[in-house]
C-alpha atoms as a PDB file:
ATOM      1  CA  MET A   1     133.550 154.350  79.395  1.00  0.00           C
ATOM      2  CA  ARG A   2     130.577 155.408  77.331  1.00  0.00           C
ATOM      3  CA  LYS A   3     129.344 151.794  77.078  1.00  0.00           C
ATOM      4  CA  ASN A   4     129.574 151.390  80.856  1.00  0.00           C
ATOM      5  CA  LEU A   5     127.609 154.562  81.401  1.00  0.00           C
ATOM      6  CA  LEU A   6     124.888 153.403  78.980  1.00  0.00           C
ATOM      7  CA  PHE A   7     124.781 150.035  80.760  1.00  0.00           C
ATOM      8  CA  TYR A   8     124.311 151.656  84.187  1.00  0.00           C
ATOM      9  CA  VAL A   9     121.658 154.058  82.919  1.00  0.00           C
ATOM     10  CA  GLY A  10     119.792 151.186  81.259  1.00  0.00           C
ATOM     11  CA  ALA A  11     120.036 148.987  84.366  1.00  0.00           C
ATOM     12  CA  TRP A  12     118.835 151.826  86.578  1.00  0.00           C
ATOM     13  CA  SER A  13     115.887 152.496  84.245  1.00  0.00           C
ATOM     14  CA  LEU A  14     114.851 148.839  84.359  1.00  0.00           C
ATOM     15  CA  PHE A  15     115.144 148.843  88.150  1.00  0.00           C
ATOM     16  CA  VAL A  16     112.919 151.909  88.433  1.00  0.00           C
ATOM     17  CA  PHE A  17     110.373 150.502  85.984  1.00  0.00           C
ATOM     18  CA  PHE A  18     110.058 147.038  87.529  1.00  0.00           C
ATOM     19  CA  PHE A  19     110.383 147.754  91.227  1.00  0.00           C
ATOM     20  CA  ILE A  20     108.899 151.194  91.624  1.00  0.00           C
ATOM     21  CA  GLY A  21     106.577 151.628  88.635  1.00  0.00           C
ATOM     22  CA  CYS A  22     104.866 148.244  88.885  1.00  0.00           C
ATOM     23  CA  LYS A  23     103.298 148.189  92.304  1.00  0.00           C
ATOM     24  CA  PRO A  24     101.495 144.965  93.224  1.00  0.00           C
ATOM     25  CA  ASP A  25      97.778 145.114  93.921  1.00  0.00           C
ATOM     26  CA  ARG A  26      96.813 145.438  97.575  1.00  0.00           C
ATOM     27  CA  ILE A  27      94.120 142.812  97.986  1.00  0.00           C
ATOM     28  CA  THR A  28      92.337 141.852 101.207  1.00  0.00           C
ATOM     29  CA  LYS A  29      89.614 139.272 101.737  1.00  0.00           C
ATOM     30  CA  TRP A  30      86.794 139.553 104.260  1.00  0.00           C
ATOM     31  CA  ARG A  31      84.116 137.076 105.369  1.00  0.00           C
ATOM     32  CA  TYR A  32      80.570 137.652 106.599  1.00  0.00           C
ATOM     33  CA  VAL A  33      78.398 134.837 107.968  1.00  0.00           C
ATOM     34  CA  PRO A  34      74.694 135.711 108.258  1.00  0.00           C
ATOM     35  CA  GLU A  35      73.187 134.764 111.605  1.00  0.00           C
ATOM     36  CA  GLU A  36      69.730 134.294 110.109  1.00  0.00           C
ATOM     37  CA  ILE A  37      70.594 131.688 107.432  1.00  0.00           C
ATOM     38  CA  ASP A  38      72.301 128.318 107.890  1.00  0.00           C
ATOM     39  CA  ASN A  39      75.338 127.509 105.713  1.00  0.00           C
ATOM     40  CA  ALA A  40      75.468 130.965 104.140  1.00  0.00           C
ATOM     41  CA  GLU A  41      78.558 133.126 103.763  1.00  0.00           C
ATOM     42  CA  VAL A  42      79.806 136.135 101.858  1.00  0.00           C
ATOM     43  CA  ILE A  43      83.393 136.731 100.775  1.00  0.00           C
ATOM     44  CA  LEU A  44      84.309 140.342  99.988  1.00  0.00           C
ATOM     45  CA  THR A  45      87.536 140.863  98.039  1.00  0.00           C
ATOM     46  CA  ILE A  46      88.812 144.436  98.180  1.00  0.00           C
ATOM     47  CA  ASN A  47      91.450 145.539  95.682  1.00  0.00           C
ATOM     48  CA  GLU A  48      92.665 148.851  97.085  1.00  0.00           C
ATOM     49  CA  THR A  49      94.956 149.529  94.132  1.00  0.00           C
ATOM     50  CA  GLN A  50      92.133 149.329  91.577  1.00  0.00           C
ATOM     51  CA  GLY A  51      89.479 150.739  93.925  1.00  0.00           C
ATOM     52  CA  LEU A  52      87.129 147.782  93.484  1.00  0.00           C
ATOM     53  CA  ALA A  53      85.389 145.312  95.763  1.00  0.00           C
ATOM     54  CA  GLU A  54      83.867 142.035  94.533  1.00  0.00           C
ATOM     55  CA  VAL A  55      81.259 139.857  96.228  1.00  0.00           C
ATOM     56  CA  GLU A  56      81.051 136.052  96.308  1.00  0.00           C
ATOM     57  CA  CYS A  57      77.921 134.666  98.001  1.00  0.00           C
ATOM     58  CA  THR A  58      76.667 131.290  99.089  1.00  0.00           C
ATOM     59  CA  PRO A  59      73.795 131.043  98.252  1.00  0.00           C
ATOM     60  CA  THR A  60      74.512 133.082  95.132  1.00  0.00           C
ATOM     61  CA  ASN A  61      71.407 135.272  95.231  1.00  0.00           C
ATOM     62  CA  MET A  62      70.854 136.719  98.688  1.00  0.00           C
ATOM     63  CA  TYR A  63      69.267 140.042  97.756  1.00  0.00           C
ATOM     64  CA  CYS A  64      65.927 138.664  96.520  1.00  0.00           C
ATOM     65  CA  GLY A  65      65.162 137.065  99.866  1.00  0.00           C
ATOM     66  CA  ILE A  66      65.892 133.785 101.585  1.00  0.00           C
ATOM     67  CA  GLN A  67      63.085 132.208 103.554  1.00  0.00           C
ATOM     68  CA  LYS A  68      63.610 130.720 106.989  1.00  0.00           C
ATOM     69  CA  ASP A  69      60.813 130.054 109.486  1.00  0.00           C
ATOM     70  CA  SER A  70      58.282 131.911 107.265  1.00  0.00           C
ATOM     71  CA  VAL A  71      60.404 135.089 107.252  1.00  0.00           C
ATOM     72  CA  TYR A  72      62.079 136.392 104.094  1.00  0.00           C
ATOM     73  CA  TYR A  73      65.520 137.814 104.863  1.00  0.00           C
ATOM     74  CA  HIS A  74      66.794 140.276 102.261  1.00  0.00           C
ATOM     75  CA  TYR A  75      70.526 140.915 102.059  1.00  0.00           C
ATOM     76  CA  TRP A  76      71.936 143.545  99.744  1.00  0.00           C
ATOM     77  CA  LEU A  77      74.558 141.144  98.422  1.00  0.00           C
ATOM     78  CA  LYS A  78      74.691 139.022  95.269  1.00  0.00           C
ATOM     79  CA  ASN A  79      77.342 136.764  93.812  1.00  0.00           C
ATOM     80  CA  GLY A  80      79.299 138.674  91.159  1.00  0.00           C
ATOM     81  CA  TRP A  81      78.339 142.178  92.269  1.00  0.00           C
ATOM     82  CA  THR A  82      81.153 144.707  92.024  1.00  0.00           C
ATOM     83  CA  TYR A  83      81.491 147.890  94.040  1.00  0.00           C
ATOM     84  CA  GLN A  84      83.533 150.987  93.209  1.00  0.00           C
ATOM     85  CA  VAL A  85      85.436 151.990  96.357  1.00  0.00           C
ATOM     86  CA  VAL A  86      85.579 155.734  97.011  1.00  0.00           C
ATOM     87  CA  ALA A  87      86.942 156.737 100.440  1.00  0.00           C
ATOM     88  CA  ASP A  88      84.678 155.017 102.998  1.00  0.00           C
ATOM     89  CA  THR A  89      81.868 154.132 100.567  1.00  0.00           C
ATOM     90  CA  PHE A  90      81.367 151.168  98.226  1.00  0.00           C
ATOM     91  CA  TYR A  91      79.128 152.179  95.282  1.00  0.00           C
ATOM     92  CA  LEU A  92      77.356 149.359  93.428  1.00  0.00           C
ATOM     93  CA  ARG A  93      78.406 149.092  89.779  1.00  0.00           C
ATOM     94  CA  LYS A  94      75.543 148.158  87.478  1.00  0.00           C
ATOM     95  CA  TYR A  95      75.896 146.798  83.975  1.00  0.00           C
ATOM     96  CA  VAL A  96      73.603 148.523  81.472  1.00  0.00           C
ATOM     97  CA  GLU A  97      72.997 146.104  78.630  1.00  0.00           C
ATOM     98  CA  ALA A  98      71.720 148.774  76.216  1.00  0.00           C
ATOM     99  CA  THR A  99      74.975 150.746  76.389  1.00  0.00           C
ATOM    100  CA  GLY A 100      77.391 147.967  77.345  1.00  0.00           C
ATOM    101  CA  GLN A 101      78.780 150.078  80.187  1.00  0.00           C
ATOM    102  CA  ASN A 102      79.010 149.895  83.947  1.00  0.00           C
ATOM    103  CA  ILE A 103      77.394 152.777  85.804  1.00  0.00           C
ATOM    104  CA  ILE A 104      77.586 153.716  89.447  1.00  0.00           C
ATOM    105  CA  GLY A 105      74.215 153.390  91.124  1.00  0.00           C
ATOM    106  CA  ARG A 106      72.821 155.141  94.180  1.00  0.00           C
ATOM    107  CA  GLU A 107      73.015 151.852  96.074  1.00  0.00           C
ATOM    108  CA  ARG A 108      76.041 151.742  98.340  1.00  0.00           C
ATOM    109  CA  MET A 109      77.697 150.220 101.384  1.00  0.00           C
ATOM    110  CA  ILE A 110      79.168 152.668 103.865  1.00  0.00           C
ATOM    111  CA  ILE A 111      82.009 151.739 106.210  1.00  0.00           C
ATOM    112  CA  LYS A 112      80.776 152.467 109.741  1.00  0.00           C
ATOM    113  CA  GLU A 113      83.713 150.906 111.584  1.00  0.00           C
ATOM    114  CA  LYS A 114      87.014 149.518 110.392  1.00  0.00           C
ATOM    115  CA  THR A 115      89.831 147.821 112.265  1.00  0.00           C
ATOM    116  CA  SER A 116      92.650 145.585 111.086  1.00  0.00           C
ATOM    117  CA  ARG A 117      90.422 142.559 111.807  1.00  0.00           C
ATOM    118  CA  SER A 118      86.891 143.655 110.911  1.00  0.00           C
ATOM    119  CA  ILE A 119      84.755 145.982 108.810  1.00  0.00           C
ATOM    120  CA  LEU A 120      81.170 146.976 109.591  1.00  0.00           C
ATOM    121  CA  LEU A 121      79.288 147.935 106.418  1.00  0.00           C
ATOM    122  CA  GLN A 122      75.839 149.519 106.348  1.00  0.00           C
ATOM    123  CA  SER A 123      73.645 149.433 103.231  1.00  0.00           C
ATOM    124  CA  ASP A 124      72.124 152.662 101.958  1.00  0.00           C
ATOM    125  CA  GLY A 125      70.025 153.611  98.927  1.00  0.00           C
ATOM    126  CA  PHE A 126      68.700 150.154  98.066  1.00  0.00           C
ATOM    127  CA  HIS A 127      65.060 149.900  97.011  1.00  0.00           C
ATOM    128  CA  GLU A 128      62.912 148.045  99.531  1.00  0.00           C
ATOM    129  CA  ALA A 129      59.923 146.861  97.514  1.00  0.00           C
ATOM    130  CA  TYR A 130      58.502 144.742 100.324  1.00  0.00           C
ATOM    131  CA  SER A 131      59.113 147.116 103.209  1.00  0.00           C
ATOM    132  CA  THR A 132      55.473 147.129 104.295  1.00  0.00           C
ATOM    133  CA  ILE A 133      55.054 143.346 104.391  1.00  0.00           C
ATOM    134  CA  ALA A 134      55.423 141.967 107.897  1.00  0.00           C
ATOM    135  CA  ASN A 135      57.345 138.780 107.101  1.00  0.00           C
ATOM    136  CA  HIS A 136      60.096 140.534 105.070  1.00  0.00           C
ATOM    137  CA  GLN A 137      63.173 141.639 106.992  1.00  0.00           C
ATOM    138  CA  TYR A 138      65.921 143.710 105.388  1.00  0.00           C
ATOM    139  CA  ILE A 139      69.454 143.269 106.678  1.00  0.00           C
ATOM    140  CA  HIS A 140      71.313 146.575 106.665  1.00  0.00           C
ATOM    141  CA  ASN A 141      74.453 145.881 108.714  1.00  0.00           C
ATOM    142  CA  TYR A 142      77.197 143.458 107.732  1.00  0.00           C
ATOM    143  CA  LYS A 143      80.153 142.704 109.956  1.00  0.00           C
ATOM    144  CA  PHE A 144      83.010 141.214 107.945  1.00  0.00           C
ATOM    145  CA  GLU A 145      86.000 139.491 109.548  1.00  0.00           C
ATOM    146  CA  ARG A 146      89.351 139.599 107.800  1.00  0.00           C
ATOM    147  CA  LEU A 147      90.626 136.380 106.256  1.00  0.00           C
ATOM    148  CA  PRO A 148      94.345 135.563 106.460  1.00  0.00           C
END
């Protein structure tokens, strides 16, 4: 009787640990295709369980400016950037080489609209070094479509 009771308690503990304690990550993928640049796309992977969002870009460096028809388009997205997700805001995580730590910067993406199929993000707090030059255009709004 005692052995049976120990067996059931042990089995129940394993069940609780594996099926309730170990929740799988909730991951969604989103895609943004810039209208201004040919053959460019951005994939945003949001891990809701960890509270992180990662960016994959083609071309890989879109924030320094991509020229098309003598206009430099600046996107606030770069391949490998990671955002800390807090409520409806994605805060850019920056790696500080001197300390070896990630810090949260003032640069962020704010969710303006969200449905089951799309997210509209708006950049805020990014430094616009070329804001007074006529042929530099900063893109502030990004409409992502959900990938299956």
